[in-house]
Amino acid sequence: MKNKNKTVWSNRFGKTNSKNFQRIGASINVDKRLYNEDIQASIVHTQMLTKKKIIPRNDGIRIIKGLKKIKTEIDKNKFKFKEKFEDIHQNIEKRLFQIVGDSAGYLHTARSRNDQVVTDFKIWVKKASLDINETINLLIKSLLKKASRNIDTVMPGFTHLKNAQPISFAHYLLAYIEMLYRDKKRFKNNISLIDECPLGSAALAGTSFNIDRNYTAKKLGFRKPTGNSIDSVSDRDFAIDFLSASATCAMHLSRLAEDFIIFNSEAFSFIEFTDKVLTGSSIMPQKKNPDPAELIRGRTAINYGNLNSMLTIMKGLPISYYKDLQDDKELVFDSFDTLKDSLSMSIELIDNLNTKKNNMRNMAQKGYTTATDFADYLAQKKNLPFRKGYAISSKLVNYAERKKIRLDQLSMKEINKFIKNTEINIPKIFDVVNSMNSKTSYGGTSTKNIKKMIKKYKSYLN
């Protein structure tokens, strides 16, 4: 075939691009990942052109057969991607010419690479969003399984990393399930917003051919075609939304990882991991380090950076398509891969985590974590204004602290120094398990609530 080694737009130019620009300007090493989506969209586009009698039926049939053959070649690693053809679109088109000859020239009728790439990209992001949500579901299942085994495991809840009030370890884990459900909603929302097909917008103005964009949109799994051809080729909101959802989800995983790193330290010793998710030291033979948790925490920066990069690319672009947008796919692909790995590592951490229940309970008894329970008791049973009960409880804590004893080690005589003529069940009021189970308000840490919430979360997964 004549000029088979030239780009499709080379006829306009007297000289070829410099080797350096060809290398920098080519995107094939990144966007070859879109080959499935590109071939899918090209087949549907060809079917539409044939249906509308814009191209001869026999040529349409040959094009579709050729595209399917190319897909098989790529699937079997028998396709040679060439940097000189810039991107996935031209690489496929050049090979199609080799397979079906001049019939391949009909394929690009009524479309541009501008609407072609954004269509491919949207299809990929829809699939990626579903993939991420499926992996989030797996993490939620792991958290629910671990929570179900630790409903009665009492630990200190923290504010400012200081012992605050006794909570269930299961309740702590369920907090992250709430975060993950919000993450799922963000990805689902992006799928909804993305559900408009750009194909047929051409370069930016639409086309004079009598195409059927509703047919194309439906066949490609979109709800409807996009409404403005200029916006269609310049829109990357869907990429930003995906990157934003990924960054937020990565942040949640980073917080979980940070908690695990702290809880696994000798200073806390709340949890331990099996050797499957630990590494050693090159100099200290005793060390067992939670490296996966640290990687999850560290790689959140990649998700943040990709979002910031995409926003920066978009902020100064005049409306329509520009070469700046070539870098959008690498940012999204990288964020997807990074988040998928972080989710997978999080699942492994949960599955290989064991609780040290005695250590958790002992820590929950430190720091006067049941002081609020005493203030609540005075407000509920003695009809004192809460602030007065709070003041009495504060004085009681100061007294116990000076004596270096816990609140449950005080005598009734000592308590009556602060509130006269009061008889209380000291072991019950100041017991950390009783404190945990007394929080029966909706969303509270009582075991009764937790069992209901675990059942509820499980029903969401069915």
Protein backbone atom coordinates (compact mmCIF):
# COMPACT_ATOMS: atom_id res chain seq x y z
CA MET A 1 0.00 0.00 0.00
CA LYS A 2 1.30 3.46 -0.91
CA ASN A 3 2.55 5.62 1.99
CA LYS A 4 1.86 2.79 4.38
CA ASN A 5 4.51 4.01 6.81
CA LYS A 6 3.25 7.60 6.98
CA THR A 7 0.75 9.17 9.34
CA VAL A 8 -2.74 9.82 8.01
CA TRP A 9 -2.16 13.57 8.10
CA SER A 10 1.33 13.53 6.45
CA ASN A 11 0.07 14.76 3.05
CA ARG A 12 -0.29 18.28 4.48
CA PHE A 13 3.38 18.49 5.44
CA GLY A 14 6.56 18.80 3.43
CA LYS A 15 8.82 17.30 6.06
CA THR A 16 8.47 14.57 8.64
CA ASN A 17 8.49 15.35 12.35
CA SER A 18 11.73 15.24 14.24
CA LYS A 19 12.55 11.96 15.94
CA ASN A 20 12.45 13.68 19.31
CA PHE A 21 8.94 15.05 18.74
CA GLN A 22 7.76 11.71 17.38
CA ARG A 23 8.94 10.08 20.58
CA ILE A 24 7.39 12.69 22.88
CA GLY A 25 4.23 13.17 20.84
CA ALA A 26 3.40 9.47 20.53
CA SER A 27 0.93 8.08 23.06
CA ILE A 28 0.77 4.48 21.87
CA ASN A 29 2.71 3.11 24.83
CA VAL A 30 -0.06 4.43 27.08
CA ASP A 31 -3.27 4.34 25.06
CA LYS A 32 -2.74 0.87 23.61
CA ARG A 33 -4.54 -0.11 26.80
CA LEU A 34 -7.69 1.17 25.08
CA TYR A 35 -7.55 -1.30 22.21
CA ASN A 36 -10.65 -3.21 23.32
CA GLU A 37 -12.68 -0.04 23.62
CA ASP A 38 -11.31 1.40 20.37
CA ILE A 39 -12.20 -1.70 18.38
CA GLN A 40 -15.61 -1.95 20.06
CA ALA A 41 -16.42 1.67 19.16
CA SER A 42 -15.11 1.23 15.61
CA ILE A 43 -17.28 -1.83 15.03
CA VAL A 44 -20.39 -0.02 16.25
CA HIS A 45 -19.49 3.05 14.19
CA THR A 46 -19.13 0.85 11.11
CA GLN A 47 -22.47 -0.85 11.81
CA MET A 48 -24.12 2.57 12.03
CA LEU A 49 -22.49 3.80 8.79
CA THR A 50 -23.65 0.65 7.01
CA LYS A 51 -27.18 0.87 8.46
CA LYS A 52 -27.49 4.47 7.30
CA LYS A 53 -26.07 3.51 3.86
CA ILE A 54 -23.27 6.01 4.28
CA ILE A 55 -20.73 3.36 3.28
CA PRO A 56 -21.19 0.23 1.10
CA ARG A 57 -22.45 -2.78 3.05
CA ASN A 58 -19.74 -5.15 1.76
CA ASP A 59 -17.01 -2.73 2.79
CA GLY A 60 -18.61 -2.47 6.24
CA ILE A 61 -18.59 -6.24 6.60
CA ARG A 62 -14.93 -6.41 5.61
CA ILE A 63 -14.03 -3.66 8.07
CA ILE A 64 -15.74 -5.43 10.97
CA LYS A 65 -14.07 -8.76 10.14
CA GLY A 66 -10.72 -6.99 9.94
CA LEU A 67 -11.24 -5.27 13.30
CA LYS A 68 -12.11 -8.56 14.96
CA LYS A 69 -8.97 -10.11 13.50
CA ILE A 70 -6.89 -7.24 14.90
CA LYS A 71 -8.43 -7.75 18.34
CA THR A 72 -7.47 -11.43 18.20
CA GLU A 73 -3.92 -10.50 17.21
CA ILE A 74 -3.60 -8.08 20.12
CA ASP A 75 -5.16 -10.57 22.56
CA LYS A 76 -2.57 -13.13 21.51
CA ASN A 77 0.33 -10.62 21.65
CA LYS A 78 0.88 -10.96 17.89
CA PHE A 79 0.23 -7.31 17.10
CA LYS A 80 3.18 -4.93 16.68
CA PHE A 81 2.43 -1.47 18.06
CA LYS A 82 4.50 1.19 16.29
CA GLU A 83 5.42 4.52 17.86
CA LYS A 84 5.58 6.26 14.47
CA PHE A 85 1.82 5.81 14.14
CA GLU A 86 1.36 7.84 17.33
CA ASP A 87 -1.67 6.28 18.99
CA ILE A 88 -3.94 3.26 19.27
CA HIS A 89 -6.31 4.64 16.63
CA GLN A 90 -3.75 4.96 13.84
CA ASN A 91 -2.02 1.71 14.76
CA ILE A 92 -5.30 -0.15 14.34
CA GLU A 93 -6.26 1.75 11.18
CA LYS A 94 -2.88 1.06 9.54
CA ARG A 95 -3.20 -2.66 10.28
CA LEU A 96 -6.77 -2.62 8.99
CA PHE A 97 -5.53 -1.30 5.64
CA GLN A 98 -3.08 -4.22 5.49
CA ILE A 99 -5.91 -6.70 6.12
CA VAL A 100 -8.83 -5.35 4.04
CA GLY A 101 -7.18 -2.88 1.69
CA ASP A 102 -8.92 0.30 0.57
CA SER A 103 -12.16 -0.64 2.34
CA ALA A 104 -10.43 0.48 5.55
CA GLY A 105 -10.62 4.03 4.24
CA TYR A 106 -14.35 4.10 4.98
CA LEU A 107 -13.89 3.52 8.73
CA HIS A 108 -13.05 7.10 9.63
CA THR A 109 -16.07 8.55 7.84
CA ALA A 110 -18.00 11.01 10.06
CA ARG A 111 -15.64 10.84 13.00
CA SER A 112 -12.36 12.32 14.23
CA ARG A 113 -9.72 11.04 16.59
CA ASN A 114 -11.06 13.75 18.94
CA ASP A 115 -14.47 12.12 19.45
CA GLN A 116 -12.99 8.66 18.96
CA VAL A 117 -10.55 8.88 21.88
CA VAL A 118 -12.98 10.43 24.34
CA THR A 119 -15.50 7.69 23.50
CA ASP A 120 -12.90 4.98 24.09
CA PHE A 121 -11.81 6.68 27.30
CA LYS A 122 -15.34 7.02 28.65
CA ILE A 123 -16.07 3.34 28.01
CA TRP A 124 -12.84 2.42 29.81
CA VAL A 125 -13.57 4.64 32.82
CA LYS A 126 -17.06 3.14 33.14
CA LYS A 127 -15.55 -0.35 33.25
CA ALA A 128 -12.80 0.76 35.64
CA SER A 129 -15.33 2.31 38.02
CA LEU A 130 -17.29 -0.95 38.14
CA ASP A 131 -14.05 -2.87 38.69
CA ILE A 132 -13.05 -0.63 41.61
CA ASN A 133 -16.48 -1.00 43.22
CA GLU A 134 -16.27 -4.79 42.95
CA THR A 135 -12.91 -4.68 44.73
CA ILE A 136 -14.31 -2.32 47.38
CA ASN A 137 -17.03 -4.91 47.97
CA LEU A 138 -14.37 -7.54 48.61
CA LEU A 139 -12.73 -5.26 51.17
CA ILE A 140 -16.08 -4.60 52.85
CA LYS A 141 -16.65 -8.36 53.10
CA SER A 142 -13.25 -8.80 54.77
CA LEU A 143 -14.01 -6.00 57.23
CA LEU A 144 -17.43 -7.47 58.03
CA LYS A 145 -15.92 -10.89 58.64
CA LYS A 146 -13.32 -9.44 61.02
CA ALA A 147 -15.92 -7.24 62.72
CA SER A 148 -18.24 -10.21 63.29
CA ARG A 149 -15.46 -11.88 65.28
CA ASN A 150 -14.76 -8.81 67.40
CA ILE A 151 -18.17 -7.49 68.42
CA ASP A 152 -17.33 -7.93 72.12
CA THR A 153 -13.72 -6.80 71.77
CA VAL A 154 -13.46 -3.61 73.81
CA MET A 155 -10.80 -1.01 73.04
CA PRO A 156 -10.26 2.67 73.77
CA GLY A 157 -11.72 5.05 71.24
CA PHE A 158 -9.41 8.00 70.65
CA THR A 159 -9.69 11.73 70.15
CA HIS A 160 -6.41 13.60 69.68
CA LEU A 161 -4.84 10.11 70.00
CA LYS A 162 -5.74 10.22 73.71
CA ASN A 163 -7.97 7.62 75.35
CA ALA A 164 -11.52 8.95 75.11
CA GLN A 165 -14.29 6.34 75.62
CA PRO A 166 -14.53 2.57 75.40
CA ILE A 167 -15.71 1.25 72.03
CA SER A 168 -15.96 -2.08 70.26
CA PHE A 169 -13.20 -2.96 67.81
CA ALA A 170 -16.00 -4.06 65.49
CA HIS A 171 -17.53 -0.60 65.74
CA TYR A 172 -14.18 0.88 64.79
CA LEU A 173 -13.99 -1.36 61.69
CA LEU A 174 -17.55 -0.49 60.69
CA ALA A 175 -16.54 3.19 60.57
CA TYR A 176 -14.35 2.34 57.58
CA ILE A 177 -17.20 0.46 55.93
CA GLU A 178 -19.20 3.69 56.04
CA MET A 179 -16.34 5.45 54.27
CA LEU A 180 -16.09 2.72 51.65
CA TYR A 181 -19.82 2.87 50.92
CA ARG A 182 -19.46 6.59 50.26
CA ASP A 183 -16.55 5.78 47.94
CA LYS A 184 -18.75 3.35 46.04
CA LYS A 185 -21.40 6.04 45.64
CA ARG A 186 -18.82 8.41 44.18
CA PHE A 187 -17.82 5.89 41.51
CA LYS A 188 -21.49 5.07 40.82
CA ASN A 189 -22.24 8.75 40.45
CA ASN A 190 -19.41 9.10 37.95
CA ILE A 191 -20.85 6.21 35.91
CA SER A 192 -24.17 8.06 35.83
CA LEU A 193 -22.58 11.37 34.79
CA ILE A 194 -20.46 9.69 32.14
CA ASP A 195 -23.42 8.01 30.47
CA GLU A 196 -23.47 10.16 27.32
CA CYS A 197 -21.76 9.08 24.10
CA PRO A 198 -19.47 11.58 22.31
CA LEU A 199 -19.04 9.54 19.11
CA GLY A 200 -20.28 11.49 16.11
CA SER A 201 -19.16 14.87 17.42
CA ALA A 202 -16.22 14.56 15.02
CA ALA A 203 -13.41 17.12 15.42
CA LEU A 204 -15.56 19.69 17.27
CA ALA A 205 -18.42 20.79 14.97
CA GLY A 206 -20.32 17.59 14.29
CA THR A 207 -20.66 16.19 10.77
CA SER A 208 -22.71 16.72 7.60
CA PHE A 209 -23.22 12.96 7.20
CA ASN A 210 -26.66 11.65 8.13
CA ILE A 211 -25.44 9.61 11.10
CA ASP A 212 -27.56 8.06 13.85
CA ARG A 213 -25.96 9.03 17.16
CA ASN A 214 -28.76 7.49 19.21
CA TYR A 215 -28.05 4.11 17.62
CA THR A 216 -24.33 4.44 18.32
CA ALA A 217 -24.88 5.53 21.91
CA LYS A 218 -27.25 2.65 22.67
CA LYS A 219 -25.01 0.02 21.07
CA LEU A 220 -22.03 1.23 23.10
CA GLY A 221 -23.97 1.09 26.37
CA PHE A 222 -24.60 4.81 26.82
CA ARG A 223 -27.94 6.31 27.84
CA LYS A 224 -27.88 8.98 25.13
CA PRO A 225 -25.53 10.97 22.88
CA THR A 226 -23.82 14.12 24.16
CA GLY A 227 -25.65 17.38 23.44
CA ASN A 228 -22.84 19.69 22.29
CA SER A 229 -20.08 18.66 19.91
CA ILE A 230 -17.55 21.19 21.24
CA ASP A 231 -18.03 20.14 24.86
CA SER A 232 -17.97 16.49 23.78
CA VAL A 233 -14.38 16.54 22.55
CA SER A 234 -13.04 18.83 25.29
CA ASP A 235 -14.82 17.35 28.32
CA ARG A 236 -12.60 15.55 30.81
CA ASP A 237 -14.84 16.03 33.83
CA PHE A 238 -15.34 12.28 33.93
CA ALA A 239 -11.57 11.76 34.24
CA ILE A 240 -11.37 14.35 37.01
CA ASP A 241 -14.32 12.75 38.81
CA PHE A 242 -12.66 9.34 38.58
CA LEU A 243 -9.37 10.73 39.86
CA SER A 244 -11.16 12.57 42.67
CA ALA A 245 -13.08 9.48 43.76
CA SER A 246 -9.84 7.48 43.60
CA ALA A 247 -7.98 10.05 45.70
CA THR A 248 -10.72 10.10 48.35
CA CYS A 249 -10.85 6.31 48.51
CA ALA A 250 -7.04 6.16 48.74
CA MET A 251 -7.21 8.66 51.60
CA HIS A 252 -9.61 6.38 53.50
CA LEU A 253 -7.31 3.41 52.96
CA SER A 254 -4.36 5.50 54.12
CA ARG A 255 -6.15 6.36 57.37
CA LEU A 256 -6.90 2.67 57.92
CA ALA A 257 -3.27 1.80 57.21
CA GLU A 258 -2.05 4.48 59.61
CA ASP A 259 -4.31 3.13 62.37
CA PHE A 260 -2.97 -0.37 61.77
CA ILE A 261 0.63 0.85 61.88
CA ILE A 262 -0.04 2.52 65.24
CA PHE A 263 -2.04 -0.40 66.66
CA ASN A 264 0.66 -2.85 65.56
CA SER A 265 3.43 -0.91 67.32
CA GLU A 266 4.87 -2.16 70.61
CA ALA A 267 3.58 1.02 72.27
CA PHE A 268 -0.03 -0.05 71.57
CA SER A 269 0.19 -3.77 70.73
CA PHE A 270 -3.53 -3.99 69.90
CA ILE A 271 -3.11 -6.12 66.80
CA GLU A 272 -0.61 -8.37 65.09
CA PHE A 273 -0.23 -9.61 61.53
CA THR A 274 0.72 -13.01 60.21
CA ASP A 275 4.07 -13.31 58.46
CA LYS A 276 2.31 -13.22 55.08
CA VAL A 277 2.11 -9.42 55.22
CA LEU A 278 5.30 -8.58 57.11
CA THR A 279 8.91 -7.95 56.11
CA GLY A 280 12.18 -8.00 58.02
CA SER A 281 15.20 -5.80 58.50
CA SER A 282 18.60 -6.12 56.85
CA ILE A 283 20.36 -5.35 60.14
CA MET A 284 17.91 -5.98 63.01
CA PRO A 285 17.04 -9.68 63.16
CA GLN A 286 14.05 -9.19 65.49
CA LYS A 287 12.08 -6.85 63.24
CA LYS A 288 8.71 -7.63 61.64
CA ASN A 289 7.51 -4.59 59.72
CA PRO A 290 3.99 -3.88 58.36
CA ASP A 291 5.28 -2.74 54.97
CA PRO A 292 2.00 -3.20 53.05
CA ALA A 293 0.28 -0.71 55.35
CA GLU A 294 3.11 1.75 54.80
CA LEU A 295 2.88 1.30 51.03
CA ILE A 296 -0.86 1.98 51.12
CA ARG A 297 -0.22 5.13 53.12
CA GLY A 298 2.60 6.29 50.85
CA ARG A 299 0.94 5.58 47.51
CA THR A 300 -1.99 7.79 48.39
CA ALA A 301 0.33 10.58 47.25
CA ILE A 302 0.22 9.13 43.72
CA ASN A 303 -3.57 9.37 43.65
CA TYR A 304 -3.43 12.93 44.99
CA GLY A 305 -0.74 13.92 42.49
CA ASN A 306 -2.62 12.55 39.49
CA LEU A 307 -5.77 14.47 40.44
CA ASN A 308 -3.81 17.69 40.84
CA SER A 309 -2.04 17.10 37.52
CA MET A 310 -5.34 16.62 35.66
CA LEU A 311 -6.87 19.73 37.21
CA THR A 312 -3.76 21.70 36.27
CA ILE A 313 -3.88 20.47 32.66
CA MET A 314 -7.52 21.51 32.33
CA LYS A 315 -7.46 24.87 34.11
CA GLY A 316 -6.00 26.91 31.25
CA LEU A 317 -7.30 25.10 28.18
CA PRO A 318 -9.53 27.03 25.78
CA ILE A 319 -12.61 25.00 24.93
CA SER A 320 -12.16 22.24 22.31
CA TYR A 321 -9.46 19.60 21.83
CA TYR A 322 -5.74 20.25 22.46
CA LYS A 323 -2.69 18.02 22.61
CA ASP A 324 -2.43 18.73 26.35
CA LEU A 325 -5.25 16.21 26.79
CA GLN A 326 -3.00 13.40 25.58
CA ASP A 327 -1.67 12.99 29.14
CA ASP A 328 -5.11 12.42 30.68
CA LYS A 329 -5.12 8.67 30.13
CA GLU A 330 -1.78 7.96 31.77
CA LEU A 331 -2.92 9.81 34.89
CA VAL A 332 -6.18 7.87 35.08
CA PHE A 333 -4.59 4.50 34.30
CA ASP A 334 -1.95 5.09 36.96
CA SER A 335 -4.55 6.06 39.57
CA PHE A 336 -6.66 3.02 38.76
CA ASP A 337 -3.68 0.65 39.06
CA THR A 338 -2.49 2.29 42.28
CA LEU A 339 -5.90 2.26 43.95
CA LYS A 340 -6.59 -1.32 42.85
CA ASP A 341 -3.30 -2.42 44.42
CA SER A 342 -4.02 -0.49 47.61
CA LEU A 343 -7.46 -2.08 47.90
CA SER A 344 -5.98 -5.54 47.34
CA MET A 345 -3.27 -4.95 49.96
CA SER A 346 -5.92 -3.68 52.39
CA ILE A 347 -7.86 -6.92 51.98
CA GLU A 348 -4.73 -8.93 52.73
CA LEU A 349 -4.01 -6.85 55.82
CA ILE A 350 -7.53 -7.40 57.18
CA ASP A 351 -7.47 -11.11 56.42
CA ASN A 352 -4.10 -11.52 58.17
CA LEU A 353 -4.92 -9.41 61.22
CA ASN A 354 -5.35 -10.83 64.73
CA THR A 355 -6.50 -8.85 67.76
CA LYS A 356 -4.80 -8.81 71.15
CA LYS A 357 -7.99 -8.49 73.14
CA ASN A 358 -6.48 -8.35 76.61
CA ASN A 359 -4.14 -5.53 75.62
CA MET A 360 -7.04 -3.62 74.09
CA ARG A 361 -9.15 -3.98 77.23
CA ASN A 362 -6.30 -3.03 79.53
CA MET A 363 -5.66 0.10 77.50
CA ALA A 364 -9.37 0.95 77.53
CA GLN A 365 -9.24 1.01 81.32
CA LYS A 366 -6.53 3.67 81.29
CA GLY A 367 -7.12 7.37 80.95
CA TYR A 368 -10.39 7.46 82.93
CA THR A 369 -12.42 6.58 79.84
CA THR A 370 -15.64 6.02 81.85
CA ALA A 371 -15.71 9.54 83.34
CA THR A 372 -18.43 10.55 80.88
CA ASP A 373 -20.52 7.59 82.01
CA PHE A 374 -20.49 8.93 85.58
CA ALA A 375 -21.51 12.41 84.33
CA ASP A 376 -24.31 10.80 82.28
CA TYR A 377 -25.44 8.82 85.34
CA LEU A 378 -25.73 11.97 87.44
CA ALA A 379 -27.73 13.66 84.70
CA GLN A 380 -30.01 10.68 84.10
CA LYS A 381 -30.53 9.32 87.61
CA LYS A 382 -29.95 12.38 89.83
CA ASN A 383 -31.59 14.92 87.53
CA LEU A 384 -28.53 17.15 87.63
CA PRO A 385 -27.81 19.47 84.70
CA PHE A 386 -25.21 17.73 82.58
CA ARG A 387 -22.68 20.51 83.09
CA LYS A 388 -22.94 20.11 86.87
CA GLY A 389 -22.52 16.35 86.57
CA TYR A 390 -19.57 17.00 84.23
CA ALA A 391 -17.93 19.23 86.87
CA ILE A 392 -18.40 16.63 89.61
CA SER A 393 -16.98 13.89 87.38
CA SER A 394 -13.97 16.10 86.54
CA LYS A 395 -13.20 16.56 90.24
CA LEU A 396 -13.52 12.80 90.75
CA VAL A 397 -11.02 12.18 87.95
CA ASN A 398 -8.58 14.69 89.45
CA TYR A 399 -8.86 12.92 92.80
CA ALA A 400 -8.29 9.46 91.29
CA GLU A 401 -5.39 10.75 89.25
CA ARG A 402 -3.68 12.12 92.36
CA LYS A 403 -4.14 8.79 94.09
CA LYS A 404 -2.99 6.96 90.92
CA ILE A 405 -5.97 4.62 90.85
CA ARG A 406 -8.72 3.90 88.33
CA LEU A 407 -12.27 5.14 88.82
CA ASP A 408 -13.54 1.61 89.44
CA GLN A 409 -11.04 1.33 92.32
CA LEU A 410 -12.63 4.22 94.26
CA SER A 411 -14.74 3.49 97.33
CA MET A 412 -18.28 4.74 97.84
CA LYS A 413 -17.00 6.87 100.71
CA GLU A 414 -14.54 8.59 98.38
CA ILE A 415 -17.21 9.21 95.75
CA ASN A 416 -19.51 10.75 98.38
CA LYS A 417 -16.91 13.44 98.97
CA PHE A 418 -18.02 14.85 95.61
CA ILE A 419 -21.70 13.89 95.49
CA LYS A 420 -23.36 13.28 98.85
CA ASN A 421 -25.91 10.63 99.75
CA THR A 422 -25.36 8.70 96.55
CA GLU A 423 -25.22 4.94 96.20
CA ILE A 424 -24.02 3.64 92.85
CA ASN A 425 -22.98 0.30 91.44
CA ILE A 426 -19.31 1.18 91.10
CA PRO A 427 -18.26 -1.88 89.07
CA LYS A 428 -21.13 -1.29 86.63
CA ILE A 429 -20.84 2.48 86.21
CA PHE A 430 -17.08 2.40 85.67
CA ASP A 431 -16.81 -0.88 83.75
CA VAL A 432 -15.49 -0.41 80.21
CA VAL A 433 -17.67 -3.17 78.70
CA ASN A 434 -20.79 -1.77 80.35
CA SER A 435 -19.79 1.68 79.10
CA MET A 436 -19.46 0.34 75.57
CA ASN A 437 -22.81 -1.43 75.67
CA SER A 438 -24.63 1.54 77.20
CA LYS A 439 -24.20 3.53 73.95
CA THR A 440 -27.47 2.32 72.44
CA SER A 441 -28.31 5.41 70.39
CA TYR A 442 -28.55 4.73 66.65
CA GLY A 443 -25.02 4.44 65.29
CA GLY A 444 -23.57 3.89 68.76
CA THR A 445 -21.02 1.29 69.82
CA SER A 446 -23.26 -1.13 71.79
CA THR A 447 -22.99 -4.76 70.71
CA LYS A 448 -26.74 -4.75 70.04
CA ASN A 449 -26.32 -1.93 67.54
CA ILE A 450 -23.26 -3.48 65.96
CA LYS A 451 -25.00 -6.78 65.27
CA LYS A 452 -27.82 -4.92 63.52
CA MET A 453 -25.39 -2.86 61.46
CA ILE A 454 -23.37 -5.90 60.39
CA LYS A 455 -26.60 -7.55 59.21
CA LYS A 456 -27.56 -4.36 57.39
CA TYR A 457 -24.20 -4.03 55.65
CA LYS A 458 -24.30 -7.66 54.56
CA SER A 459 -27.71 -7.10 52.98
CA TYR A 460 -26.23 -4.26 50.89
CA LEU A 461 -23.77 -6.69 49.34
CA ASN A 462 -26.41 -9.19 48.23
